[in-house]
């Protein structure tokens, strides 16, 4: 499971379509909702490989090359896992931003 404290910065805010959450007036509530959704989506919506690659790259700041070396795959495979995860997370974010907010 992903640690409960998901930090957001310019790099990993792109995992979810953060602009989907900017409709609320209070940005702090929006960021809290986004963190909660991101944490749940990473834990529940991604494959194990997608989750590993996303967490290592975005939250531990590891390069795709070093992740690929650890997994014994090409860097392009790690890139593909991350891109597929981003698409899935953005789809989840769009769905919840329209139904919850």
PDB file of N, CA and C in Angstrom:
ATOM      1  N   UNK A   1       0.835  -1.193   0.000  1.00  0.00           N
ATOM      2  CA  UNK A   1       0.000   0.000   0.000  1.00  0.00           C
ATOM      3  C   UNK A   1       0.876   1.252   0.000  1.00  0.00           C
ATOM      4  N   UNK A   2       0.402   2.251  -0.669  1.00  0.00           N
ATOM      5  CA  UNK A   2       1.102   3.523  -0.749  1.00  0.00           C
ATOM      6  C   UNK A   2       0.992   4.241   0.581  1.00  0.00           C
ATOM      7  N   UNK A   3       2.053   4.865   1.002  1.00  0.00           N
ATOM      8  CA  UNK A   3       2.050   5.615   2.256  1.00  0.00           C
ATOM      9  C   UNK A   3       0.921   6.631   2.250  1.00  0.00           C
ATOM     10  N   UNK A   4       0.314   6.861   3.403  1.00  0.00           N
ATOM     11  CA  UNK A   4      -0.846   7.744   3.480  1.00  0.00           C
ATOM     12  C   UNK A   4      -0.530   9.180   3.086  1.00  0.00           C
ATOM     13  N   UNK A   5       0.704   9.609   3.239  1.00  0.00           N
ATOM     14  CA  UNK A   5       1.054  10.979   2.885  1.00  0.00           C
ATOM     15  C   UNK A   5       1.596  11.019   1.465  1.00  0.00           C
ATOM     16  N   UNK A   6       0.761  11.366   0.546  1.00  0.00           N
ATOM     17  CA  UNK A   6       1.165  11.506  -0.852  1.00  0.00           C
ATOM     18  C   UNK A   6       1.504  12.966  -1.065  1.00  0.00           C
ATOM     19  N   UNK A   7       2.767  13.242  -1.353  1.00  0.00           N
ATOM     20  CA  UNK A   7       3.135  14.627  -1.605  1.00  0.00           C
ATOM     21  C   UNK A   7       2.849  14.952  -3.059  1.00  0.00           C
ATOM     22  N   UNK A   8       2.441  16.178  -3.300  1.00  0.00           N
ATOM     23  CA  UNK A   8       2.156  16.608  -4.660  1.00  0.00           C
ATOM     24  C   UNK A   8       3.114  17.717  -5.037  1.00  0.00           C
ATOM     25  N   UNK A   9       3.662  17.598  -6.211  1.00  0.00           N
ATOM     26  CA  UNK A   9       4.497  18.656  -6.759  1.00  0.00           C
ATOM     27  C   UNK A   9       4.187  18.759  -8.244  1.00  0.00           C
ATOM     28  N   UNK A  10       4.857  19.665  -8.931  1.00  0.00           N
ATOM     29  CA  UNK A  10       4.550  19.871 -10.345  1.00  0.00           C
ATOM     30  C   UNK A  10       4.722  18.596 -11.157  1.00  0.00           C
ATOM     31  N   UNK A  11       5.658  17.756 -10.770  1.00  0.00           N
ATOM     32  CA  UNK A  11       5.921  16.548 -11.536  1.00  0.00           C
ATOM     33  C   UNK A  11       4.808  15.523 -11.371  1.00  0.00           C
ATOM     34  N   UNK A  12       4.391  15.264 -10.129  1.00  0.00           N
ATOM     35  CA  UNK A  12       3.416  14.196  -9.960  1.00  0.00           C
ATOM     36  C   UNK A  12       1.972  14.667  -9.951  1.00  0.00           C
ATOM     37  N   UNK A  13       1.719  15.965  -9.924  1.00  0.00           N
ATOM     38  CA  UNK A  13       0.341  16.433 -10.071  1.00  0.00           C
ATOM     39  C   UNK A  13      -0.207  16.059 -11.444  1.00  0.00           C
ATOM     40  N   UNK A  14       0.677  15.844 -12.388  1.00  0.00           N
ATOM     41  CA  UNK A  14       0.254  15.489 -13.732  1.00  0.00           C
ATOM     42  C   UNK A  14      -0.268  14.065 -13.817  1.00  0.00           C
ATOM     43  N   UNK A  15      -0.053  13.261 -12.757  1.00  0.00           N
ATOM     44  CA  UNK A  15      -0.611  11.911 -12.749  1.00  0.00           C
ATOM     45  C   UNK A  15      -2.123  11.952 -12.869  1.00  0.00           C
ATOM     46  N   UNK A  16      -2.727  12.900 -12.199  1.00  0.00           N
ATOM     47  CA  UNK A  16      -4.161  13.124 -12.319  1.00  0.00           C
ATOM     48  C   UNK A  16      -4.348  14.449 -13.014  1.00  0.00           C
ATOM     49  N   UNK A  17      -5.417  14.614 -13.692  1.00  0.00           N
ATOM     50  CA  UNK A  17      -5.673  15.892 -14.348  1.00  0.00           C
ATOM     51  C   UNK A  17      -6.042  16.901 -13.275  1.00  0.00           C
ATOM     52  N   UNK A  18      -5.035  17.540 -12.707  1.00  0.00           N
ATOM     53  CA  UNK A  18      -5.277  18.450 -11.587  1.00  0.00           C
ATOM     54  C   UNK A  18      -6.245  19.560 -11.967  1.00  0.00           C
ATOM     55  N   UNK A  19      -6.266  19.957 -13.212  1.00  0.00           N
ATOM     56  CA  UNK A  19      -7.190  21.008 -13.632  1.00  0.00           C
ATOM     57  C   UNK A  19      -8.632  20.590 -13.392  1.00  0.00           C
ATOM     58  N   UNK A  20      -8.882  19.269 -13.337  1.00  0.00           N
ATOM     59  CA  UNK A  20     -10.235  18.794 -13.066  1.00  0.00           C
ATOM     60  C   UNK A  20     -10.690  19.203 -11.663  1.00  0.00           C
ATOM     61  N   UNK A  21      -9.742  19.430 -10.769  1.00  0.00           N
ATOM     62  CA  UNK A  21     -10.074  19.741  -9.384  1.00  0.00           C
ATOM     63  C   UNK A  21     -10.053  21.236  -9.093  1.00  0.00           C
ATOM     64  N   UNK A  22      -9.712  22.047 -10.057  1.00  0.00           N
ATOM     65  CA  UNK A  22      -9.591  23.481  -9.826  1.00  0.00           C
ATOM     66  C   UNK A  22     -10.925  24.203  -9.855  1.00  0.00           C
ATOM     67  N   UNK A  23     -12.011  23.488  -9.989  1.00  0.00           N
ATOM     68  CA  UNK A  23     -13.314  24.119 -10.015  1.00  0.00           C
ATOM     69  C   UNK A  23     -13.767  24.567  -8.629  1.00  0.00           C
ATOM     70  N   UNK A  24     -13.179  24.007  -7.589  1.00  0.00           N
ATOM     71  CA  UNK A  24     -13.544  24.375  -6.227  1.00  0.00           C
ATOM     72  C   UNK A  24     -12.829  25.667  -5.843  1.00  0.00           C
ATOM     73  N   UNK A  25     -13.470  26.496  -5.025  1.00  0.00           N
ATOM     74  CA  UNK A  25     -12.868  27.769  -4.637  1.00  0.00           C
ATOM     75  C   UNK A  25     -11.662  27.583  -3.725  1.00  0.00           C
ATOM     76  N   UNK A  26     -11.767  26.717  -2.733  1.00  0.00           N
ATOM     77  CA  UNK A  26     -10.699  26.533  -1.761  1.00  0.00           C
ATOM     78  C   UNK A  26      -9.717  25.492  -2.275  1.00  0.00           C
ATOM     79  N   UNK A  27      -8.538  25.927  -2.632  1.00  0.00           N
ATOM     80  CA  UNK A  27      -7.539  25.055  -3.211  1.00  0.00           C
ATOM     81  C   UNK A  27      -7.090  23.976  -2.229  1.00  0.00           C
ATOM     82  N   UNK A  28      -7.074  24.248  -0.929  1.00  0.00           N
ATOM     83  CA  UNK A  28      -6.610  23.247   0.025  1.00  0.00           C
ATOM     84  C   UNK A  28      -7.545  22.036   0.051  1.00  0.00           C
ATOM     85  N   UNK A  29      -8.839  22.257  -0.029  1.00  0.00           N
ATOM     86  CA  UNK A  29      -9.781  21.137  -0.093  1.00  0.00           C
ATOM     87  C   UNK A  29      -9.587  20.352  -1.379  1.00  0.00           C
ATOM     88  N   UNK A  30      -9.342  21.056  -2.447  1.00  0.00           N
ATOM     89  CA  UNK A  30      -9.120  20.425  -3.737  1.00  0.00           C
ATOM     90  C   UNK A  30      -7.873  19.545  -3.692  1.00  0.00           C
ATOM     91  N   UNK A  31      -6.806  20.053  -3.114  1.00  0.00           N
ATOM     92  CA  UNK A  31      -5.560  19.287  -3.021  1.00  0.00           C
ATOM     93  C   UNK A  31      -5.728  18.067  -2.123  1.00  0.00           C
ATOM     94  N   UNK A  32      -6.471  18.219  -1.015  1.00  0.00           N
ATOM     95  CA  UNK A  32      -6.724  17.075  -0.131  1.00  0.00           C
ATOM     96  C   UNK A  32      -7.515  15.996  -0.868  1.00  0.00           C
ATOM     97  N   UNK A  33      -8.522  16.426  -1.603  1.00  0.00           N
ATOM     98  CA  UNK A  33      -9.329  15.473  -2.360  1.00  0.00           C
ATOM     99  C   UNK A  33      -8.483  14.784  -3.417  1.00  0.00           C
ATOM    100  N   UNK A  34      -7.615  15.543  -4.052  1.00  0.00           N
ATOM    101  CA  UNK A  34      -6.761  14.967  -5.081  1.00  0.00           C
ATOM    102  C   UNK A  34      -5.791  13.954  -4.486  1.00  0.00           C
ATOM    103  N   UNK A  35      -5.194  14.280  -3.339  1.00  0.00           N
ATOM    104  CA  UNK A  35      -4.275  13.348  -2.689  1.00  0.00           C
ATOM    105  C   UNK A  35      -4.985  12.054  -2.312  1.00  0.00           C
ATOM    106  N   UNK A  36      -6.157  12.179  -1.760  1.00  0.00           N
ATOM    107  CA  UNK A  36      -6.927  11.009  -1.349  1.00  0.00           C
ATOM    108  C   UNK A  36      -7.262  10.150  -2.579  1.00  0.00           C
ATOM    109  N   UNK A  37      -7.728  10.792  -3.629  1.00  0.00           N
ATOM    110  CA  UNK A  37      -8.075  10.074  -4.847  1.00  0.00           C
ATOM    111  C   UNK A  37      -6.846   9.433  -5.480  1.00  0.00           C
ATOM    112  N   UNK A  38      -5.751  10.156  -5.527  1.00  0.00           N
ATOM    113  CA  UNK A  38      -4.521   9.632  -6.112  1.00  0.00           C
ATOM    114  C   UNK A  38      -4.061   8.399  -5.346  1.00  0.00           C
ATOM    115  N   UNK A  39      -4.049   8.477  -4.040  1.00  0.00           N
ATOM    116  CA  UNK A  39      -3.620   7.356  -3.203  1.00  0.00           C
ATOM    117  C   UNK A  39      -4.523   6.135  -3.446  1.00  0.00           C
ATOM    118  N   UNK A  40      -5.828   6.347  -3.440  1.00  0.00           N
ATOM    119  CA  UNK A  40      -6.760   5.241  -3.647  1.00  0.00           C
ATOM    120  C   UNK A  40      -6.637   4.662  -5.054  1.00  0.00           C
ATOM    121  N   UNK A  41      -6.510   5.528  -6.033  1.00  0.00           N
ATOM    122  CA  UNK A  41      -6.423   5.065  -7.419  1.00  0.00           C
ATOM    123  C   UNK A  41      -5.133   4.290  -7.661  1.00  0.00           C
ATOM    124  N   UNK A  42      -4.025   4.760  -7.106  1.00  0.00           N
ATOM    125  CA  UNK A  42      -2.762   4.040  -7.277  1.00  0.00           C
ATOM    126  C   UNK A  42      -2.865   2.660  -6.647  1.00  0.00           C
ATOM    127  N   UNK A  43      -3.452   2.589  -5.463  1.00  0.00           N
ATOM    128  CA  UNK A  43      -3.561   1.301  -4.770  1.00  0.00           C
ATOM    129  C   UNK A  43      -4.569   0.360  -5.405  1.00  0.00           C
ATOM    130  N   UNK A  44      -5.649   0.891  -5.970  1.00  0.00           N
ATOM    131  CA  UNK A  44      -6.752   0.035  -6.413  1.00  0.00           C
ATOM    132  C   UNK A  44      -6.919  -0.097  -7.918  1.00  0.00           C
ATOM    133  N   UNK A  45      -6.400   0.829  -8.687  1.00  0.00           N
ATOM    134  CA  UNK A  45      -6.683   0.839 -10.126  1.00  0.00           C
ATOM    135  C   UNK A  45      -5.503   0.432 -11.001  1.00  0.00           C
ATOM    136  N   UNK A  46      -4.308   0.429 -10.461  1.00  0.00           N
ATOM    137  CA  UNK A  46      -3.134   0.116 -11.273  1.00  0.00           C
ATOM    138  C   UNK A  46      -2.704  -1.331 -11.099  1.00  0.00           C
ATOM    139  N   UNK A  47      -2.051  -1.852 -12.128  1.00  0.00           N
ATOM    140  CA  UNK A  47      -1.442  -3.174 -11.992  1.00  0.00           C
ATOM    141  C   UNK A  47      -0.242  -3.044 -11.067  1.00  0.00           C
ATOM    142  N   UNK A  48       0.265  -4.174 -10.600  1.00  0.00           N
ATOM    143  CA  UNK A  48       1.425  -4.152  -9.707  1.00  0.00           C
ATOM    144  C   UNK A  48       2.628  -3.472 -10.367  1.00  0.00           C
ATOM    145  N   UNK A  49       2.856  -3.777 -11.639  1.00  0.00           N
ATOM    146  CA  UNK A  49       4.002  -3.184 -12.339  1.00  0.00           C
ATOM    147  C   UNK A  49       3.804  -1.682 -12.544  1.00  0.00           C
ATOM    148  N   UNK A  50       2.584  -1.290 -12.895  1.00  0.00           N
ATOM    149  CA  UNK A  50       2.299   0.138 -13.054  1.00  0.00           C
ATOM    150  C   UNK A  50       2.505   0.855 -11.726  1.00  0.00           C
ATOM    151  N   UNK A  51       1.975   0.290 -10.651  1.00  0.00           N
ATOM    152  CA  UNK A  51       2.096   0.906  -9.324  1.00  0.00           C
ATOM    153  C   UNK A  51       3.566   1.061  -8.929  1.00  0.00           C
ATOM    154  N   UNK A  52       4.340  -0.005  -9.140  1.00  0.00           N
ATOM    155  CA  UNK A  52       5.750   0.039  -8.788  1.00  0.00           C
ATOM    156  C   UNK A  52       6.471   1.131  -9.569  1.00  0.00           C
ATOM    157  N   UNK A  53       6.275   1.157 -10.882  1.00  0.00           N
ATOM    158  CA  UNK A  53       6.964   2.144 -11.725  1.00  0.00           C
ATOM    159  C   UNK A  53       6.555   3.568 -11.370  1.00  0.00           C
ATOM    160  N   UNK A  54       5.269   3.787 -11.164  1.00  0.00           N
ATOM    161  CA  UNK A  54       4.783   5.133 -10.824  1.00  0.00           C
ATOM    162  C   UNK A  54       5.348   5.584  -9.489  1.00  0.00           C
ATOM    163  N   UNK A  55       5.283   4.728  -8.482  1.00  0.00           N
ATOM    164  CA  UNK A  55       5.767   5.116  -7.146  1.00  0.00           C
ATOM    165  C   UNK A  55       7.266   5.353  -7.149  1.00  0.00           C
ATOM    166  N   UNK A  56       8.006   4.493  -7.816  1.00  0.00           N
ATOM    167  CA  UNK A  56       9.459   4.666  -7.865  1.00  0.00           C
ATOM    168  C   UNK A  56       9.843   5.937  -8.620  1.00  0.00           C
ATOM    169  N   UNK A  57       9.181   6.189  -9.730  1.00  0.00           N
ATOM    170  CA  UNK A  57       9.541   7.343 -10.554  1.00  0.00           C
ATOM    171  C   UNK A  57       9.055   8.668  -9.958  1.00  0.00           C
ATOM    172  N   UNK A  58       7.779   8.734  -9.590  1.00  0.00           N
ATOM    173  CA  UNK A  58       7.211  10.004  -9.151  1.00  0.00           C
ATOM    174  C   UNK A  58       7.430  10.310  -7.679  1.00  0.00           C
ATOM    175  N   UNK A  59       7.445   9.302  -6.822  1.00  0.00           N
ATOM    176  CA  UNK A  59       7.537   9.573  -5.395  1.00  0.00           C
ATOM    177  C   UNK A  59       8.919   9.319  -4.818  1.00  0.00           C
ATOM    178  N   UNK A  60       9.733   8.538  -5.520  1.00  0.00           N
ATOM    179  CA  UNK A  60      11.109   8.310  -5.073  1.00  0.00           C
ATOM    180  C   UNK A  60      12.122   8.931  -6.023  1.00  0.00           C
ATOM    181  N   UNK A  61      11.614   9.604  -7.060  1.00  0.00           N
ATOM    182  CA  UNK A  61      12.441  10.333  -8.030  1.00  0.00           C
ATOM    183  C   UNK A  61      13.512   9.467  -8.693  1.00  0.00           C
ATOM    184  N   UNK A  62      13.177   8.232  -8.967  1.00  0.00           N
ATOM    185  CA  UNK A  62      14.118   7.355  -9.657  1.00  0.00           C
ATOM    186  C   UNK A  62      13.947   7.515 -11.163  1.00  0.00           C
ATOM    187  N   UNK A  63      15.027   7.337 -11.869  1.00  0.00           N
ATOM    188  CA  UNK A  63      14.968   7.419 -13.329  1.00  0.00           C
ATOM    189  C   UNK A  63      14.332   6.149 -13.884  1.00  0.00           C
ATOM    190  N   UNK A  64      13.765   6.285 -15.059  1.00  0.00           N
ATOM    191  CA  UNK A  64      13.160   5.131 -15.710  1.00  0.00           C
ATOM    192  C   UNK A  64      14.219   4.077 -16.017  1.00  0.00           C
ATOM    193  N   UNK A  65      15.422   4.535 -16.321  1.00  0.00           N
ATOM    194  CA  UNK A  65      16.511   3.608 -16.618  1.00  0.00           C
ATOM    195  C   UNK A  65      16.855   2.761 -15.390  1.00  0.00           C
ATOM    196  N   UNK A  66      16.938   3.383 -14.218  1.00  0.00           N
ATOM    197  CA  UNK A  66      17.288   2.614 -13.019  1.00  0.00           C
ATOM    198  C   UNK A  66      16.156   1.655 -12.621  1.00  0.00           C
ATOM    199  N   UNK A  67      14.918   2.068 -12.835  1.00  0.00           N
ATOM    200  CA  UNK A  67      13.781   1.173 -12.563  1.00  0.00           C
ATOM    201  C   UNK A  67      13.835  -0.012 -13.515  1.00  0.00           C
ATOM    202  N   UNK A  68      14.120   0.265 -14.782  1.00  0.00           N
ATOM    203  CA  UNK A  68      14.207  -0.792 -15.791  1.00  0.00           C
ATOM    204  C   UNK A  68      15.309  -1.789 -15.441  1.00  0.00           C
ATOM    205  N   UNK A  69      16.442  -1.275 -14.984  1.00  0.00           N
ATOM    206  CA  UNK A  69      17.543  -2.167 -14.602  1.00  0.00           C
ATOM    207  C   UNK A  69      17.130  -3.077 -13.451  1.00  0.00           C
ATOM    208  N   UNK A  70      16.434  -2.522 -12.482  1.00  0.00           N
ATOM    209  CA  UNK A  70      15.986  -3.327 -11.338  1.00  0.00           C
ATOM    210  C   UNK A  70      14.996  -4.403 -11.771  1.00  0.00           C
ATOM    211  N   UNK A  71      14.106  -4.056 -12.694  1.00  0.00           N
ATOM    212  CA  UNK A  71      13.093  -5.007 -13.155  1.00  0.00           C
ATOM    213  C   UNK A  71      13.611  -5.963 -14.227  1.00  0.00           C
ATOM    214  N   UNK A  72      14.770  -5.625 -14.808  1.00  0.00           N
ATOM    215  CA  UNK A  72      15.319  -6.457 -15.873  1.00  0.00           C
ATOM    216  C   UNK A  72      14.576  -6.301 -17.186  1.00  0.00           C
ATOM    217  N   UNK A  73      14.098  -5.087 -17.448  1.00  0.00           N
ATOM    218  CA  UNK A  73      13.365  -4.801 -18.683  1.00  0.00           C
ATOM    219  C   UNK A  73      13.989  -3.589 -19.358  1.00  0.00           C
ATOM    220  N   UNK A  74      13.540  -3.297 -20.564  1.00  0.00           N
ATOM    221  CA  UNK A  74      13.999  -2.111 -21.273  1.00  0.00           C
ATOM    222  C   UNK A  74      13.359  -0.858 -20.658  1.00  0.00           C
ATOM    223  N   UNK A  75      14.045   0.271 -20.716  1.00  0.00           N
ATOM    224  CA  UNK A  75      13.452   1.519 -20.231  1.00  0.00           C
ATOM    225  C   UNK A  75      12.129   1.852 -20.937  1.00  0.00           C
ATOM    226  N   UNK A  76      12.001   1.438 -22.192  1.00  0.00           N
ATOM    227  CA  UNK A  76      10.748   1.706 -22.907  1.00  0.00           C
ATOM    228  C   UNK A  76       9.569   0.966 -22.264  1.00  0.00           C
ATOM    229  N   UNK A  77       9.835  -0.172 -21.653  1.00  0.00           N
ATOM    230  CA  UNK A  77       8.784  -0.918 -20.963  1.00  0.00           C
ATOM    231  C   UNK A  77       8.324  -0.152 -19.729  1.00  0.00           C
ATOM    232  N   UNK A  78       9.263   0.415 -19.001  1.00  0.00           N
ATOM    233  CA  UNK A  78       8.919   1.232 -17.830  1.00  0.00           C
ATOM    234  C   UNK A  78       8.122   2.453 -18.280  1.00  0.00           C
ATOM    235  N   UNK A  79       8.561   3.085 -19.347  1.00  0.00           N
ATOM    236  CA  UNK A  79       7.838   4.239 -19.895  1.00  0.00           C
ATOM    237  C   UNK A  79       6.410   3.850 -20.242  1.00  0.00           C
ATOM    238  N   UNK A  80       6.232   2.712 -20.864  1.00  0.00           N
ATOM    239  CA  UNK A  80       4.897   2.244 -21.245  1.00  0.00           C
ATOM    240  C   UNK A  80       4.030   1.983 -20.006  1.00  0.00           C
ATOM    241  N   UNK A  81       4.613   1.360 -18.973  1.00  0.00           N
ATOM    242  CA  UNK A  81       3.859   1.134 -17.727  1.00  0.00           C
ATOM    243  C   UNK A  81       3.399   2.469 -17.128  1.00  0.00           C
ATOM    244  N   UNK A  82       4.281   3.454 -17.117  1.00  0.00           N
ATOM    245  CA  UNK A  82       3.947   4.751 -16.545  1.00  0.00           C
ATOM    246  C   UNK A  82       2.896   5.466 -17.390  1.00  0.00           C
ATOM    247  N   UNK A  83       3.037   5.428 -18.699  1.00  0.00           N
ATOM    248  CA  UNK A  83       2.048   6.067 -19.573  1.00  0.00           C
ATOM    249  C   UNK A  83       0.667   5.425 -19.434  1.00  0.00           C
ATOM    250  N   UNK A  84       0.628   4.109 -19.366  1.00  0.00           N
ATOM    251  CA  UNK A  84      -0.653   3.424 -19.178  1.00  0.00           C
ATOM    252  C   UNK A  84      -1.260   3.770 -17.818  1.00  0.00           C
ATOM    253  N   UNK A  85      -0.427   3.860 -16.812  1.00  0.00           N
ATOM    254  CA  UNK A  85      -0.902   4.233 -15.477  1.00  0.00           C
ATOM    255  C   UNK A  85      -1.450   5.659 -15.484  1.00  0.00           C
ATOM    256  N   UNK A  86      -0.754   6.567 -16.141  1.00  0.00           N
ATOM    257  CA  UNK A  86      -1.225   7.953 -16.223  1.00  0.00           C
ATOM    258  C   UNK A  86      -2.584   8.032 -16.888  1.00  0.00           C
ATOM    259  N   UNK A  87      -2.758   7.307 -17.975  1.00  0.00           N
ATOM    260  CA  UNK A  87      -4.057   7.299 -18.663  1.00  0.00           C
ATOM    261  C   UNK A  87      -5.154   6.780 -17.738  1.00  0.00           C
ATOM    262  N   UNK A  88      -4.866   5.710 -17.037  1.00  0.00           N
ATOM    263  CA  UNK A  88      -5.854   5.127 -16.139  1.00  0.00           C
ATOM    264  C   UNK A  88      -6.179   6.081 -14.983  1.00  0.00           C
ATOM    265  N   UNK A  89      -5.167   6.703 -14.411  1.00  0.00           N
ATOM    266  CA  UNK A  89      -5.381   7.631 -13.291  1.00  0.00           C
ATOM    267  C   UNK A  89      -6.148   8.869 -13.730  1.00  0.00           C
ATOM    268  N   UNK A  90      -5.855   9.368 -14.907  1.00  0.00           N
ATOM    269  CA  UNK A  90      -6.583  10.534 -15.418  1.00  0.00           C
ATOM    270  C   UNK A  90      -8.042  10.197 -15.686  1.00  0.00           C
ATOM    271  N   UNK A  91      -8.290   8.998 -16.191  1.00  0.00           N
ATOM    272  CA  UNK A  91      -9.663   8.563 -16.433  1.00  0.00           C
ATOM    273  C   UNK A  91     -10.431   8.480 -15.109  1.00  0.00           C
ATOM    274  N   UNK A  92      -9.799   7.942 -14.081  1.00  0.00           N
ATOM    275  CA  UNK A  92     -10.421   7.862 -12.756  1.00  0.00           C
ATOM    276  C   UNK A  92     -10.672   9.257 -12.209  1.00  0.00           C
ATOM    277  N   UNK A  93      -9.713  10.156 -12.376  1.00  0.00           N
ATOM    278  CA  UNK A  93      -9.854  11.528 -11.866  1.00  0.00           C
ATOM    279  C   UNK A  93     -11.004  12.248 -12.545  1.00  0.00           C
ATOM    280  N   UNK A  94     -11.122  12.090 -13.851  1.00  0.00           N
ATOM    281  CA  UNK A  94     -12.222  12.742 -14.569  1.00  0.00           C
ATOM    282  C   UNK A  94     -13.568  12.214 -14.089  1.00  0.00           C
ATOM    283  N   UNK A  95     -13.664  10.907 -13.908  1.00  0.00           N
ATOM    284  CA  UNK A  95     -14.912  10.309 -13.446  1.00  0.00           C
ATOM    285  C   UNK A  95     -15.297  10.857 -12.066  1.00  0.00           C
ATOM    286  N   UNK A  96     -14.358  10.847 -11.126  1.00  0.00           N
ATOM    287  CA  UNK A  96     -14.671  11.284  -9.770  1.00  0.00           C
ATOM    288  C   UNK A  96     -14.846  12.784  -9.655  1.00  0.00           C
ATOM    289  N   UNK A  97     -14.164  13.553 -10.477  1.00  0.00           N
ATOM    290  CA  UNK A  97     -14.330  15.011 -10.384  1.00  0.00           C
ATOM    291  C   UNK A  97     -15.732  15.425 -10.805  1.00  0.00           C
ATOM    292  N   UNK A  98     -16.356  14.669 -11.694  1.00  0.00           N
ATOM    293  CA  UNK A  98     -17.694  14.991 -12.130  1.00  0.00           C
ATOM    294  C   UNK A  98     -18.778  14.400 -11.228  1.00  0.00           C
ATOM    295  N   UNK A  99     -18.469  13.302 -10.562  1.00  0.00           N
ATOM    296  CA  UNK A  99     -19.485  12.677  -9.716  1.00  0.00           C
ATOM    297  C   UNK A  99     -19.409  13.127  -8.271  1.00  0.00           C
ATOM    298  N   UNK A 100     -18.216  13.461  -7.778  1.00  0.00           N
ATOM    299  CA  UNK A 100     -18.058  13.835  -6.376  1.00  0.00           C
ATOM    300  C   UNK A 100     -18.126  15.335  -6.177  1.00  0.00           C
ATOM    301  N   UNK A 101     -17.488  16.070  -7.052  1.00  0.00           N
ATOM    302  CA  UNK A 101     -17.426  17.516  -6.876  1.00  0.00           C
ATOM    303  C   UNK A 101     -18.563  18.126  -7.626  1.00  0.00           C
TER     304      UNK A 101
END
